[in-house]
Amino acid sequence: MVAKQSKETAKLAVHALEEKKAKDIRIIDISDVTVVADYFIIASGNNRNQVQAMADEVEETLYKAGMEPKQVEGYQTANWILLDYQDIIIHIFDEENRLFYDLERIWRDGHETTKEELEA
């Protein structure tokens, strides 16, 4: 069962990604598959600047809500930025690396959910 706080954090993160025109945002509920987190949020951008801007927007939005990432990886190269908020892990890719790593396939045992389901 996903905690209410996880849903709220996921909603804020998705909204921040949408603000920076993220492409193909996927929300995967992994709470029944692993104890690592409740949600993976996966999105992609067109180039390094957009990928970094998306990460910046997520960090700023969640910071304003009182949350700081436990860890941030890959910001400098910006081909795959990982933002770890404990219960929510956000993966922001450039298109080439998203296809290569294919996290949606790896985590297919999770339940893909929608923004609307988060808001319900």
C-alpha atoms as a PDB file:
ATOM      1  CA  MET A   1       0.000   0.000   0.000  1.00  0.00           C
ATOM      2  CA  VAL A   2       1.435   3.331  -1.070  1.00  0.00           C
ATOM      3  CA  ALA A   3       1.625   6.043   1.564  1.00  0.00           C
ATOM      4  CA  LYS A   4      -0.349   9.243   0.998  1.00  0.00           C
ATOM      5  CA  GLN A   5       2.876  11.273   1.252  1.00  0.00           C
ATOM      6  CA  SER A   6       4.429   9.252  -1.584  1.00  0.00           C
ATOM      7  CA  LYS A   7       1.444  10.011  -3.806  1.00  0.00           C
ATOM      8  CA  GLU A   8       1.681  13.721  -3.016  1.00  0.00           C
ATOM      9  CA  THR A   9       5.410  13.782  -3.744  1.00  0.00           C
ATOM     10  CA  ALA A  10       4.874  11.912  -7.007  1.00  0.00           C
ATOM     11  CA  LYS A  11       2.142  14.375  -8.065  1.00  0.00           C
ATOM     12  CA  LEU A  12       4.407  17.348  -7.383  1.00  0.00           C
ATOM     13  CA  ALA A  13       7.287  15.760  -9.284  1.00  0.00           C
ATOM     14  CA  VAL A  14       5.115  14.956 -12.309  1.00  0.00           C
ATOM     15  CA  HIS A  15       3.750  18.496 -12.353  1.00  0.00           C
ATOM     16  CA  ALA A  16       7.297  19.911 -12.229  1.00  0.00           C
ATOM     17  CA  LEU A  17       8.347  17.676 -15.126  1.00  0.00           C
ATOM     18  CA  GLU A  18       5.327  18.809 -17.143  1.00  0.00           C
ATOM     19  CA  GLU A  19       6.270  22.444 -16.487  1.00  0.00           C
ATOM     20  CA  LYS A  20       9.554  21.828 -18.323  1.00  0.00           C
ATOM     21  CA  LYS A  21       7.867  19.953 -21.199  1.00  0.00           C
ATOM     22  CA  ALA A  22       9.107  16.483 -20.249  1.00  0.00           C
ATOM     23  CA  LYS A  23       8.348  13.817 -22.816  1.00  0.00           C
ATOM     24  CA  ASP A  24       6.687  10.468 -22.189  1.00  0.00           C
ATOM     25  CA  ILE A  25       6.319  10.696 -18.398  1.00  0.00           C
ATOM     26  CA  ARG A  26       5.737   7.271 -16.881  1.00  0.00           C
ATOM     27  CA  ILE A  27       4.749   6.608 -13.285  1.00  0.00           C
ATOM     28  CA  ILE A  28       5.403   3.077 -12.080  1.00  0.00           C
ATOM     29  CA  ASP A  29       4.083   1.931  -8.715  1.00  0.00           C
ATOM     30  CA  ILE A  30       6.776  -0.470  -7.502  1.00  0.00           C
ATOM     31  CA  SER A  31       5.565  -0.712  -3.899  1.00  0.00           C
ATOM     32  CA  ASP A  32       4.452  -4.341  -4.325  1.00  0.00           C
ATOM     33  CA  VAL A  33       7.671  -5.331  -6.104  1.00  0.00           C
ATOM     34  CA  THR A  34      10.437  -3.884  -3.931  1.00  0.00           C
ATOM     35  CA  VAL A  35      11.131  -2.000  -0.718  1.00  0.00           C
ATOM     36  CA  VAL A  36      13.452   0.401  -2.560  1.00  0.00           C
ATOM     37  CA  ALA A  37      10.687   2.935  -3.209  1.00  0.00           C
ATOM     38  CA  ASP A  38       6.970   3.339  -3.841  1.00  0.00           C
ATOM     39  CA  TYR A  39       7.248   4.977  -7.258  1.00  0.00           C
ATOM     40  CA  PHE A  40       9.637   5.315 -10.143  1.00  0.00           C
ATOM     41  CA  ILE A  41       8.933   8.334 -12.308  1.00  0.00           C
ATOM     42  CA  ILE A  42      10.604   8.192 -15.697  1.00  0.00           C
ATOM     43  CA  ALA A  43      10.734  11.042 -18.195  1.00  0.00           C
ATOM     44  CA  SER A  44      12.913  12.236 -21.033  1.00  0.00           C
ATOM     45  CA  GLY A  45      14.092  15.478 -22.529  1.00  0.00           C
ATOM     46  CA  ASN A  46      15.433  16.527 -25.904  1.00  0.00           C
ATOM     47  CA  ASN A  47      18.880  17.688 -24.839  1.00  0.00           C
ATOM     48  CA  ARG A  48      21.247  18.212 -21.913  1.00  0.00           C
ATOM     49  CA  ASN A  49      19.874  21.659 -21.046  1.00  0.00           C
ATOM     50  CA  GLN A  50      16.279  20.462 -20.937  1.00  0.00           C
ATOM     51  CA  VAL A  51      17.181  17.378 -18.876  1.00  0.00           C
ATOM     52  CA  GLN A  52      18.988  19.589 -16.341  1.00  0.00           C
ATOM     53  CA  ALA A  53      16.129  22.128 -16.317  1.00  0.00           C
ATOM     54  CA  MET A  54      13.685  19.312 -15.585  1.00  0.00           C
ATOM     55  CA  ALA A  55      15.818  18.117 -12.664  1.00  0.00           C
ATOM     56  CA  ASP A  56      16.155  21.691 -11.370  1.00  0.00           C
ATOM     57  CA  GLU A  57      12.392  22.204 -11.535  1.00  0.00           C
ATOM     58  CA  VAL A  58      11.694  18.961  -9.646  1.00  0.00           C
ATOM     59  CA  GLU A  59      14.245  19.841  -6.969  1.00  0.00           C
ATOM     60  CA  GLU A  60      12.874  23.386  -6.559  1.00  0.00           C
ATOM     61  CA  THR A  61       9.244  22.245  -6.437  1.00  0.00           C
ATOM     62  CA  LEU A  62       9.905  19.514  -3.893  1.00  0.00           C
ATOM     63  CA  TYR A  63      12.182  21.777  -1.840  1.00  0.00           C
ATOM     64  CA  LYS A  64       9.327  24.285  -1.539  1.00  0.00           C
ATOM     65  CA  ALA A  65       7.202  21.401  -0.240  1.00  0.00           C
ATOM     66  CA  GLY A  66       9.826  20.674   2.415  1.00  0.00           C
ATOM     67  CA  MET A  67      11.624  17.781   0.731  1.00  0.00           C
ATOM     68  CA  GLU A  68      15.259  17.407  -0.212  1.00  0.00           C
ATOM     69  CA  PRO A  69      16.742  14.596  -2.253  1.00  0.00           C
ATOM     70  CA  LYS A  70      18.668  11.924  -0.436  1.00  0.00           C
ATOM     71  CA  GLN A  71      20.905  11.696  -3.488  1.00  0.00           C
ATOM     72  CA  VAL A  72      21.308  13.190  -6.968  1.00  0.00           C
ATOM     73  CA  GLU A  73      23.334  11.375  -9.618  1.00  0.00           C
ATOM     74  CA  GLY A  74      24.293  12.242 -13.175  1.00  0.00           C
ATOM     75  CA  TYR A  75      23.529  15.968 -13.182  1.00  0.00           C
ATOM     76  CA  GLN A  76      26.765  17.048 -14.875  1.00  0.00           C
ATOM     77  CA  THR A  77      26.542  14.684 -17.843  1.00  0.00           C
ATOM     78  CA  ALA A  78      22.728  14.934 -17.931  1.00  0.00           C
ATOM     79  CA  ASN A  79      22.195  11.809 -20.016  1.00  0.00           C
ATOM     80  CA  TRP A  80      20.513  10.151 -17.010  1.00  0.00           C
ATOM     81  CA  ILE A  81      19.771  12.164 -13.881  1.00  0.00           C
ATOM     82  CA  LEU A  82      18.542  10.229 -10.874  1.00  0.00           C
ATOM     83  CA  LEU A  83      16.798  12.111  -8.072  1.00  0.00           C
ATOM     84  CA  ASP A  84      16.303   9.931  -4.999  1.00  0.00           C
ATOM     85  CA  TYR A  85      13.579  11.120  -2.646  1.00  0.00           C
ATOM     86  CA  GLN A  86      13.504   7.780  -0.772  1.00  0.00           C
ATOM     87  CA  ASP A  87       9.918   6.752  -1.556  1.00  0.00           C
ATOM     88  CA  ILE A  88      10.028   8.368  -4.997  1.00  0.00           C
ATOM     89  CA  ILE A  89      12.892   7.902  -7.437  1.00  0.00           C
ATOM     90  CA  ILE A  90      12.865  10.144 -10.485  1.00  0.00           C
ATOM     91  CA  HIS A  91      14.796   9.174 -13.607  1.00  0.00           C
ATOM     92  CA  ILE A  92      15.272  11.882 -16.221  1.00  0.00           C
ATOM     93  CA  PHE A  93      16.896  10.681 -19.431  1.00  0.00           C
ATOM     94  CA  ASP A  94      17.960  11.951 -22.786  1.00  0.00           C
ATOM     95  CA  GLU A  95      16.155   9.897 -25.414  1.00  0.00           C
ATOM     96  CA  GLU A  96      19.110   7.696 -26.405  1.00  0.00           C
ATOM     97  CA  ASN A  97      19.867   6.571 -22.855  1.00  0.00           C
ATOM     98  CA  ARG A  98      16.200   6.030 -22.045  1.00  0.00           C
ATOM     99  CA  LEU A  99      15.953   3.583 -24.934  1.00  0.00           C
ATOM    100  CA  PHE A 100      19.222   1.910 -23.948  1.00  0.00           C
ATOM    101  CA  TYR A 101      18.412   1.369 -20.264  1.00  0.00           C
ATOM    102  CA  ASP A 102      14.688   0.692 -20.825  1.00  0.00           C
ATOM    103  CA  LEU A 103      13.659   0.925 -17.161  1.00  0.00           C
ATOM    104  CA  GLU A 104      10.023   0.421 -18.105  1.00  0.00           C
ATOM    105  CA  ARG A 105      10.888  -3.100 -19.263  1.00  0.00           C
ATOM    106  CA  ILE A 106      13.089  -3.858 -16.261  1.00  0.00           C
ATOM    107  CA  TRP A 107      10.358  -2.755 -13.829  1.00  0.00           C
ATOM    108  CA  ARG A 108       7.426  -4.200 -15.786  1.00  0.00           C
ATOM    109  CA  ASP A 109       6.338  -6.139 -12.683  1.00  0.00           C
ATOM    110  CA  GLY A 110       5.352  -2.786 -11.209  1.00  0.00           C
ATOM    111  CA  HIS A 111       1.974  -1.230 -11.939  1.00  0.00           C
ATOM    112  CA  GLU A 112       2.045   1.658 -14.384  1.00  0.00           C
ATOM    113  CA  THR A 113      -0.234   4.346 -13.058  1.00  0.00           C
ATOM    114  CA  THR A 114      -1.444   7.722 -14.284  1.00  0.00           C
ATOM    115  CA  LYS A 115      -1.387  11.234 -12.923  1.00  0.00           C
ATOM    116  CA  GLU A 116      -5.151  11.008 -12.574  1.00  0.00           C
ATOM    117  CA  GLU A 117      -4.830   7.879 -10.409  1.00  0.00           C
ATOM    118  CA  LEU A 118      -2.373   9.727  -8.163  1.00  0.00           C
ATOM    119  CA  GLU A 119      -4.913  12.489  -7.700  1.00  0.00           C
ATOM    120  CA  ALA A 120      -7.780  10.106  -6.839  1.00  0.00           C
END
